[in-house]
Amino acid sequence: MAATAVGALAANPHGDAVGGLSVSDIATIWQLPKGTVYWLASKHSWRRYRASGRAYYHAEDVMDTITATD
């Protein structure tokens, strides 16, 4: 289920042309506190970029970490 949700969000997370996952997306999909998402991103050096004033993480980096921790 989470992988399907990630695919949909990564393709178009908020109705625009940006691909990637926001902290809110990740926290919601995996039911994690946002602080934990920031910690994982830092610890595992997730690639990130900004678009429209928001930070997005590469879905591949997120999935590699989340599936390794499950």
C-alpha atoms as a PDB file:
ATOM      1  CA  MET A   1       0.000   0.000   0.000  1.00  0.00           C
ATOM      2  CA  ALA A   2       2.714   2.500   0.954  1.00  0.00           C
ATOM      3  CA  ALA A   3       4.668   1.814  -2.245  1.00  0.00           C
ATOM      4  CA  THR A   4       1.553   2.547  -4.327  1.00  0.00           C
ATOM      5  CA  ALA A   5       0.961   5.758  -2.416  1.00  0.00           C
ATOM      6  CA  VAL A   6       4.597   6.757  -2.871  1.00  0.00           C
ATOM      7  CA  GLY A   7       4.396   6.169  -6.610  1.00  0.00           C
ATOM      8  CA  ALA A   8       1.376   8.425  -6.873  1.00  0.00           C
ATOM      9  CA  LEU A   9       2.921  11.136  -4.712  1.00  0.00           C
ATOM     10  CA  ALA A  10       6.307  10.979  -6.377  1.00  0.00           C
ATOM     11  CA  ALA A  11       4.694  11.497  -9.759  1.00  0.00           C
ATOM     12  CA  ASN A  12       2.678  14.498  -8.601  1.00  0.00           C
ATOM     13  CA  PRO A  13       2.766  15.178  -4.866  1.00  0.00           C
ATOM     14  CA  HIS A  14       0.574  18.279  -4.672  1.00  0.00           C
ATOM     15  CA  GLY A  15      -1.091  18.707  -8.036  1.00  0.00           C
ATOM     16  CA  ASP A  16       1.871  20.406  -9.667  1.00  0.00           C
ATOM     17  CA  ALA A  17       4.803  19.303 -11.802  1.00  0.00           C
ATOM     18  CA  VAL A  18       7.153  18.681  -8.872  1.00  0.00           C
ATOM     19  CA  GLY A  19       8.216  15.092  -8.265  1.00  0.00           C
ATOM     20  CA  GLY A  20       9.298  13.981  -4.810  1.00  0.00           C
ATOM     21  CA  LEU A  21       8.005  13.632  -1.288  1.00  0.00           C
ATOM     22  CA  SER A  22       7.600  16.347   1.309  1.00  0.00           C
ATOM     23  CA  VAL A  23       8.161  15.736   5.018  1.00  0.00           C
ATOM     24  CA  SER A  24       4.378  15.814   5.471  1.00  0.00           C
ATOM     25  CA  ASP A  25       3.918  13.212   2.722  1.00  0.00           C
ATOM     26  CA  ILE A  26       6.465  10.871   4.301  1.00  0.00           C
ATOM     27  CA  ALA A  27       5.109  11.357   7.827  1.00  0.00           C
ATOM     28  CA  THR A  28       1.558  10.642   6.673  1.00  0.00           C
ATOM     29  CA  ILE A  29       2.317   7.593   4.533  1.00  0.00           C
ATOM     30  CA  TRP A  30       4.461   5.827   7.150  1.00  0.00           C
ATOM     31  CA  GLN A  31       2.828   7.330  10.231  1.00  0.00           C
ATOM     32  CA  LEU A  32       6.088   8.795  11.517  1.00  0.00           C
ATOM     33  CA  PRO A  33       6.621  11.956  13.528  1.00  0.00           C
ATOM     34  CA  LYS A  34       8.025  14.737  11.347  1.00  0.00           C
ATOM     35  CA  GLY A  35      11.089  14.949  13.588  1.00  0.00           C
ATOM     36  CA  THR A  36      11.861  11.313  12.784  1.00  0.00           C
ATOM     37  CA  VAL A  37      11.579  12.050   9.061  1.00  0.00           C
ATOM     38  CA  TYR A  38      14.103  14.898   9.383  1.00  0.00           C
ATOM     39  CA  TRP A  39      16.411  12.654  11.419  1.00  0.00           C
ATOM     40  CA  LEU A  40      16.228   9.838   8.832  1.00  0.00           C
ATOM     41  CA  ALA A  41      16.847  12.303   6.014  1.00  0.00           C
ATOM     42  CA  SER A  42      19.934  13.628   7.757  1.00  0.00           C
ATOM     43  CA  LYS A  43      21.274  10.249   8.858  1.00  0.00           C
ATOM     44  CA  HIS A  44      20.853   8.652   5.414  1.00  0.00           C
ATOM     45  CA  SER A  45      21.780  11.739   3.367  1.00  0.00           C
ATOM     46  CA  TRP A  46      18.554  11.863   1.365  1.00  0.00           C
ATOM     47  CA  ARG A  47      18.813  14.052  -1.700  1.00  0.00           C
ATOM     48  CA  ARG A  48      16.493  17.040  -1.514  1.00  0.00           C
ATOM     49  CA  TYR A  49      15.533  20.018  -3.584  1.00  0.00           C
ATOM     50  CA  ARG A  50      13.249  23.009  -3.280  1.00  0.00           C
ATOM     51  CA  ALA A  51      10.328  23.952  -5.473  1.00  0.00           C
ATOM     52  CA  SER A  52       7.687  26.587  -4.816  1.00  0.00           C
ATOM     53  CA  GLY A  53       9.207  27.261  -1.400  1.00  0.00           C
ATOM     54  CA  ARG A  54       8.905  23.636  -0.226  1.00  0.00           C
ATOM     55  CA  ALA A  55      11.565  20.990   0.275  1.00  0.00           C
ATOM     56  CA  TYR A  56      11.109  17.614  -1.398  1.00  0.00           C
ATOM     57  CA  TYR A  57      13.050  14.401  -0.914  1.00  0.00           C
ATOM     58  CA  HIS A  58      13.814  11.939  -3.685  1.00  0.00           C
ATOM     59  CA  ALA A  59      11.386   9.031  -3.396  1.00  0.00           C
ATOM     60  CA  GLU A  60      14.106   6.487  -4.174  1.00  0.00           C
ATOM     61  CA  ASP A  61      16.170   7.608  -1.161  1.00  0.00           C
ATOM     62  CA  VAL A  62      13.113   7.524   1.093  1.00  0.00           C
ATOM     63  CA  MET A  63      12.074   4.063  -0.099  1.00  0.00           C
ATOM     64  CA  ASP A  64      15.598   2.652   0.294  1.00  0.00           C
ATOM     65  CA  THR A  65      15.673   3.766   3.923  1.00  0.00           C
ATOM     66  CA  ILE A  66      12.102   2.834   4.839  1.00  0.00           C
ATOM     67  CA  THR A  67      12.243  -0.632   3.289  1.00  0.00           C
ATOM     68  CA  ALA A  68      15.606  -1.313   4.972  1.00  0.00           C
ATOM     69  CA  THR A  69      14.142  -0.407   8.378  1.00  0.00           C
ATOM     70  CA  ASP A  70      10.976  -2.502   8.070  1.00  0.00           C
END
